[in-house]
Protein backbone atom coordinates (compact mmCIF):
# COMPACT_ATOMS: atom_id res chain seq x y z
CA UNK A 1 -12.55 2.65 10.19
CA UNK A 2 -10.43 -0.13 11.83
CA UNK A 3 -8.22 -1.68 9.06
CA UNK A 4 -6.80 -0.85 5.67
CA UNK A 5 -5.55 -3.55 3.33
CA UNK A 6 -3.78 -3.10 -0.16
CA UNK A 7 -4.67 -4.97 -3.31
CA UNK A 8 -1.98 -5.59 -5.96
CA UNK A 9 -3.88 -5.58 -9.09
CA UNK A 10 -1.86 -7.69 -11.62
CA UNK A 11 -2.27 -8.37 -15.46
CA UNK A 12 -2.97 -12.02 -15.99
CA UNK A 13 0.31 -12.54 -18.14
CA UNK A 14 2.44 -11.35 -15.08
CA UNK A 15 0.35 -12.80 -12.33
CA UNK A 16 2.22 -15.88 -11.48
CA UNK A 17 5.66 -14.29 -11.45
CA UNK A 18 4.51 -11.29 -9.48
CA UNK A 19 2.50 -13.16 -6.94
CA UNK A 20 5.54 -15.37 -6.34
CA UNK A 21 7.77 -12.33 -6.07
CA UNK A 22 5.46 -10.89 -3.40
CA UNK A 23 5.29 -14.03 -1.43
CA UNK A 24 9.06 -14.36 -1.23
CA UNK A 25 9.55 -10.66 -0.66
CA UNK A 26 7.10 -10.64 2.28
CA UNK A 27 7.46 -14.21 3.62
CA UNK A 28 3.55 -14.54 3.30
CA UNK A 29 1.70 -17.45 1.67
CA UNK A 30 -0.81 -17.05 -1.13
CA UNK A 31 -4.26 -18.38 -0.10
CA UNK A 32 -6.52 -20.25 -2.31
CA UNK A 33 -7.89 -18.21 -5.27
CA UNK A 34 -11.44 -17.19 -4.66
CA UNK A 35 -14.10 -14.91 -6.34
CA UNK A 36 -16.70 -15.67 -9.23
CA UNK A 37 -13.74 -16.06 -11.63
CA UNK A 38 -11.13 -17.11 -9.29
CA UNK A 39 -9.52 -13.72 -9.53
CA UNK A 40 -8.80 -12.95 -5.80
CA UNK A 41 -6.32 -14.31 -3.39
CA UNK A 42 -4.82 -13.22 -0.03
CA UNK A 43 -1.04 -13.03 1.10
CA UNK A 44 -1.40 -14.70 4.43
CA UNK A 45 1.25 -13.77 6.94
CA UNK A 46 2.63 -16.37 9.42
CA UNK A 47 1.56 -14.34 12.34
CA UNK A 48 -0.90 -11.38 12.64
CA UNK A 49 -3.74 -10.86 10.14
CA UNK A 50 -3.47 -10.14 6.38
CA UNK A 51 -3.16 -6.67 4.87
CA UNK A 52 -2.03 -7.66 1.38
CA UNK A 53 -4.11 -9.27 -1.42
CA UNK A 54 -3.81 -9.89 -4.94
CA UNK A 55 -6.28 -9.55 -8.00
CA UNK A 56 -6.10 -10.72 -11.55
CA UNK A 57 -6.72 -8.11 -14.14
CA UNK A 58 -8.17 -8.97 -17.59
CA UNK A 59 -6.75 -5.76 -18.97
CA UNK A 60 -4.60 -2.78 -18.16
CA UNK A 61 -1.15 -2.46 -16.41
CA UNK A 62 -0.53 -3.27 -12.63
CA UNK A 63 -1.86 -0.95 -10.07
CA UNK A 64 -2.78 -0.56 -6.41
CA UNK A 65 -6.17 -0.26 -4.77
CA UNK A 66 -7.29 -0.16 -1.17
CA UNK A 67 -9.74 -1.81 0.93
CA UNK A 68 -11.14 0.13 3.79
CA UNK A 69 -12.63 -2.28 6.37
CA UNK A 70 -15.37 -0.54 8.35
CA UNK A 71 -18.30 -1.48 10.71
CA UNK A 72 -20.95 0.11 8.61
CA UNK A 73 -20.36 0.09 4.73
CA UNK A 74 -23.43 2.15 4.00
CA UNK A 75 -22.59 4.86 6.44
CA UNK A 76 -18.91 4.89 5.35
CA UNK A 77 -20.12 5.27 1.71
CA UNK A 78 -22.40 8.21 2.50
CA UNK A 79 -19.78 9.99 4.50
CA UNK A 80 -17.15 9.60 1.71
CA UNK A 81 -19.63 11.04 -0.62
CA UNK A 82 -19.89 14.23 1.31
CA UNK A 83 -16.11 14.65 0.94
CA UNK A 84 -16.10 14.08 -2.81
CA UNK A 85 -16.06 10.46 -3.47
CA UNK A 86 -18.22 8.65 -5.93
CA UNK A 87 -19.62 5.20 -6.11
CA UNK A 88 -18.32 3.13 -8.96
CA UNK A 89 -19.97 -0.25 -8.36
CA UNK A 90 -21.82 -2.40 -5.61
CA UNK A 91 -20.39 -6.02 -5.29
CA UNK A 92 -22.45 -7.74 -2.58
CA UNK A 93 -21.28 -6.67 0.76
CA UNK A 94 -18.59 -4.33 -0.50
CA UNK A 95 -18.81 -1.03 -2.54
CA UNK A 96 -16.26 0.22 -5.10
CA UNK A 97 -15.52 3.90 -4.80
CA UNK A 98 -13.33 6.66 -6.51
CA UNK A 99 -11.68 9.44 -4.70
CA UNK A 100 -11.96 13.11 -5.83
CA UNK A 101 -8.65 12.45 -7.69
CA UNK A 102 -10.21 9.08 -9.21
CA UNK A 103 -8.15 6.71 -7.16
CA UNK A 104 -10.01 3.42 -6.65
CA UNK A 105 -10.78 2.02 -3.25
CA UNK A 106 -13.49 -0.28 -1.70
CA UNK A 107 -15.38 -0.31 1.58
CA UNK A 108 -15.71 -3.76 2.88
CA UNK A 109 -17.13 -5.12 6.05
CA UNK A 110 -14.47 -7.80 6.98
CA UNK A 111 -12.80 -6.88 10.52
CA UNK A 112 -9.16 -7.35 11.27
CA UNK A 113 -7.40 -6.18 14.28
CA UNK A 114 -3.72 -7.61 14.70
CA UNK A 115 -0.97 -6.40 12.17
CA UNK A 116 1.71 -8.88 11.19
CA UNK A 117 5.15 -8.28 12.63
CA UNK A 118 8.17 -7.54 10.54
CA UNK A 119 9.79 -10.74 8.75
CA UNK A 120 13.27 -11.72 9.83
CA UNK A 121 15.68 -12.73 7.05
CA UNK A 122 19.14 -14.17 7.17
CA UNK A 123 21.85 -11.66 7.38
CA UNK A 124 25.46 -11.18 8.57
CA UNK A 125 24.54 -7.77 9.93
CA UNK A 126 24.25 -7.51 13.90
CA UNK A 127 20.66 -8.11 14.84
CA UNK A 128 19.78 -9.59 11.38
CA UNK A 129 17.58 -8.27 8.71
CA UNK A 130 13.96 -7.29 9.06
CA UNK A 131 11.34 -5.79 6.74
CA UNK A 132 7.64 -5.24 6.33
CA UNK A 133 5.33 -3.67 3.89
CA UNK A 134 3.94 -1.06 6.18
CA UNK A 135 3.03 1.97 3.94
CA UNK A 136 1.00 2.83 0.76
CA UNK A 137 2.04 5.96 -1.13
CA UNK A 138 -0.47 7.76 -3.10
CA UNK A 139 1.09 9.46 -6.09
CA UNK A 140 -0.93 12.62 -6.65
CA UNK A 141 -0.77 15.16 -9.58
CA UNK A 142 -0.14 18.67 -8.36
CA UNK A 143 -3.58 20.16 -9.33
CA UNK A 144 -5.49 17.73 -7.02
CA UNK A 145 -2.92 17.31 -4.15
CA UNK A 146 -4.54 19.47 -1.57
CA UNK A 147 -7.98 18.15 -2.29
CA UNK A 148 -6.81 14.67 -2.11
CA UNK A 149 -4.97 15.13 1.20
CA UNK A 150 -7.96 16.69 2.68
CA UNK A 151 -10.23 13.77 1.56
CA UNK A 152 -7.96 10.94 2.91
CA UNK A 153 -7.63 12.85 6.25
CA UNK A 154 -11.42 13.26 6.51
CA UNK A 155 -12.12 9.61 5.41
CA UNK A 156 -9.65 8.03 7.79
CA UNK A 157 -9.78 10.55 10.58
CA UNK A 158 -6.03 10.31 10.94
CA UNK A 159 -3.51 13.02 11.75
CA UNK A 160 -2.04 14.80 8.55
CA UNK A 161 1.59 15.56 9.04
CA UNK A 162 3.95 17.47 6.56
CA UNK A 163 7.49 16.29 6.17
CA UNK A 164 10.29 18.36 7.56
CA UNK A 165 12.68 17.42 4.87
CA UNK A 166 10.62 16.81 1.70
CA UNK A 167 8.16 19.44 0.85
CA UNK A 168 6.35 17.16 -1.70
CA UNK A 169 5.34 14.60 0.96
CA UNK A 170 2.56 14.50 3.59
CA UNK A 171 1.73 11.53 5.88
CA UNK A 172 -1.32 10.32 7.56
CA UNK A 173 -0.21 8.86 10.89
CA UNK A 174 -1.70 5.42 11.39
CA UNK A 175 -3.32 4.84 14.93
CA UNK A 176 -2.10 1.83 16.97
CA UNK A 177 -3.14 -1.49 15.40
CA UNK A 178 -3.06 -0.44 11.80
CA UNK A 179 -0.86 -2.40 9.49
CA UNK A 180 -0.49 0.58 6.86
CA UNK A 181 0.00 4.19 6.95
CA UNK A 182 -0.56 6.42 4.07
CA UNK A 183 2.02 8.77 2.48
CA UNK A 184 0.75 11.40 -0.05
CA UNK A 185 3.40 12.46 -2.60
CA UNK A 186 2.85 15.53 -4.83
CA UNK A 187 4.00 14.74 -8.33
CA UNK A 188 5.59 17.29 -10.79
CA UNK A 189 2.92 16.29 -13.30
CA UNK A 190 0.11 18.96 -13.37
CA UNK A 191 -2.97 16.71 -13.68
CA UNK A 192 -4.19 13.15 -14.21
CA UNK A 193 -5.43 10.26 -12.02
CA UNK A 194 -4.08 9.41 -8.66
CA UNK A 195 -2.15 6.13 -8.30
CA UNK A 196 -0.23 4.28 -5.67
CA UNK A 197 2.67 2.14 -4.77
CA UNK A 198 3.67 0.13 -1.77
CA UNK A 199 6.57 0.91 0.53
CA UNK A 200 8.69 -1.41 2.84
CA UNK A 201 10.42 -0.39 6.07
CA UNK A 202 13.80 -2.14 6.85
CA UNK A 203 16.58 -1.87 8.95
CA UNK A 204 19.22 -2.32 6.29
CA UNK A 205 18.17 -0.81 2.87
CA UNK A 206 21.17 -2.04 0.87
CA UNK A 207 20.79 -5.62 2.19
CA UNK A 208 17.11 -5.62 1.54
CA UNK A 209 17.46 -4.21 -1.88
CA UNK A 210 20.01 -6.93 -2.66
CA UNK A 211 17.48 -9.61 -1.51
CA UNK A 212 14.78 -8.24 -3.79
CA UNK A 213 17.05 -8.14 -6.77
CA UNK A 214 17.95 -11.81 -6.09
CA UNK A 215 14.18 -12.53 -6.04
CA UNK A 216 13.75 -10.81 -9.56
CA UNK A 217 13.15 -7.10 -8.79
CA UNK A 218 14.72 -4.40 -10.96
CA UNK A 219 16.23 -1.33 -9.30
CA UNK A 220 14.90 1.90 -11.07
CA UNK A 221 16.21 4.67 -8.94
CA UNK A 222 18.31 5.15 -5.66
CA UNK A 223 17.41 8.18 -3.69
CA UNK A 224 18.86 9.59 -0.38
CA UNK A 225 16.17 7.89 1.74
CA UNK A 226 14.69 5.15 -0.46
CA UNK A 227 15.16 2.93 -3.40
CA UNK A 228 12.65 2.47 -6.25
CA UNK A 229 12.33 -1.04 -7.62
CA UNK A 230 9.92 -2.71 -10.16
CA UNK A 231 8.31 -6.15 -9.45
CA UNK A 232 8.16 -8.82 -12.24
CA UNK A 233 4.88 -7.08 -13.36
CA UNK A 234 6.71 -3.87 -13.96
CA UNK A 235 4.87 -2.28 -10.80
CA UNK A 236 6.97 0.25 -8.99
CA UNK A 237 7.47 -0.07 -5.17
CA UNK A 238 10.14 1.34 -2.65
CA UNK A 239 12.42 0.13 -0.05
CA UNK A 240 12.90 2.98 2.57
CA UNK A 241 15.17 3.69 5.51
CA UNK A 242 12.21 3.86 7.77
CA UNK A 243 12.81 1.25 10.52
CA UNK A 244 10.38 -1.48 10.82
CA UNK A 245 10.34 -1.41 14.60
CA UNK A 246 9.56 2.42 14.67
CA UNK A 247 5.98 3.46 13.91
CA UNK A 248 6.34 7.17 13.72
CA UNK A 249 9.36 9.37 13.01
CA UNK A 250 9.80 13.02 14.03
CA UNK A 251 11.21 13.52 10.43
CA UNK A 252 9.48 11.22 8.25
CA UNK A 253 11.44 9.27 5.52
CA UNK A 254 9.71 9.30 2.30
CA UNK A 255 9.21 6.33 0.00
């Protein structure tokens, strides 16, 4: 595997407001809509290659799914199947899958290789303000946590590392050249489907949070290392204390 991108799957009624929010939050530009029904678009960064995309949903609430960009889709599908994934649908060159915990992801053949840099924002702070969406957090019920962690480690081939400060978190450390790393959070709820949210790294969480609120986000919770917000579609995401210029921390900050 050589790239992971995240799809924001958004209800039609909230699509325009949510897409505008994520354009302003990231500094990226929405591409033209594409797909059979004009349901897909890409958030295009000013530098580097895209790793965030949006999809209009006909029903259901907002959610996240992942695209895993691989050299050989058929081989990747077969390998994921040996680790407990199942095929949901075939759509041309890409295959929709479900993980053992029923989290949706796709294998696609489109190559990317250059992650976008953090965006710089006006700020009175020394050095300015920077942020980037650089992590997807899988929110996993307790009963399926170990199996789901093992599955994603096997499928990505990335190092799985536990958090020294938060027993409920493990992290898959992204190799050089990847735009997103994967955080795996064990939830208190006993069972149910796996879901996901996006995390941002920033060098000033308070200033970045204020910027998001000014753009229409709602603060849901403030934790010791991260702040939980909701976008205009009601989808949760986090702003964390992870620095956007540091790829791996010895003691990972959750999100």
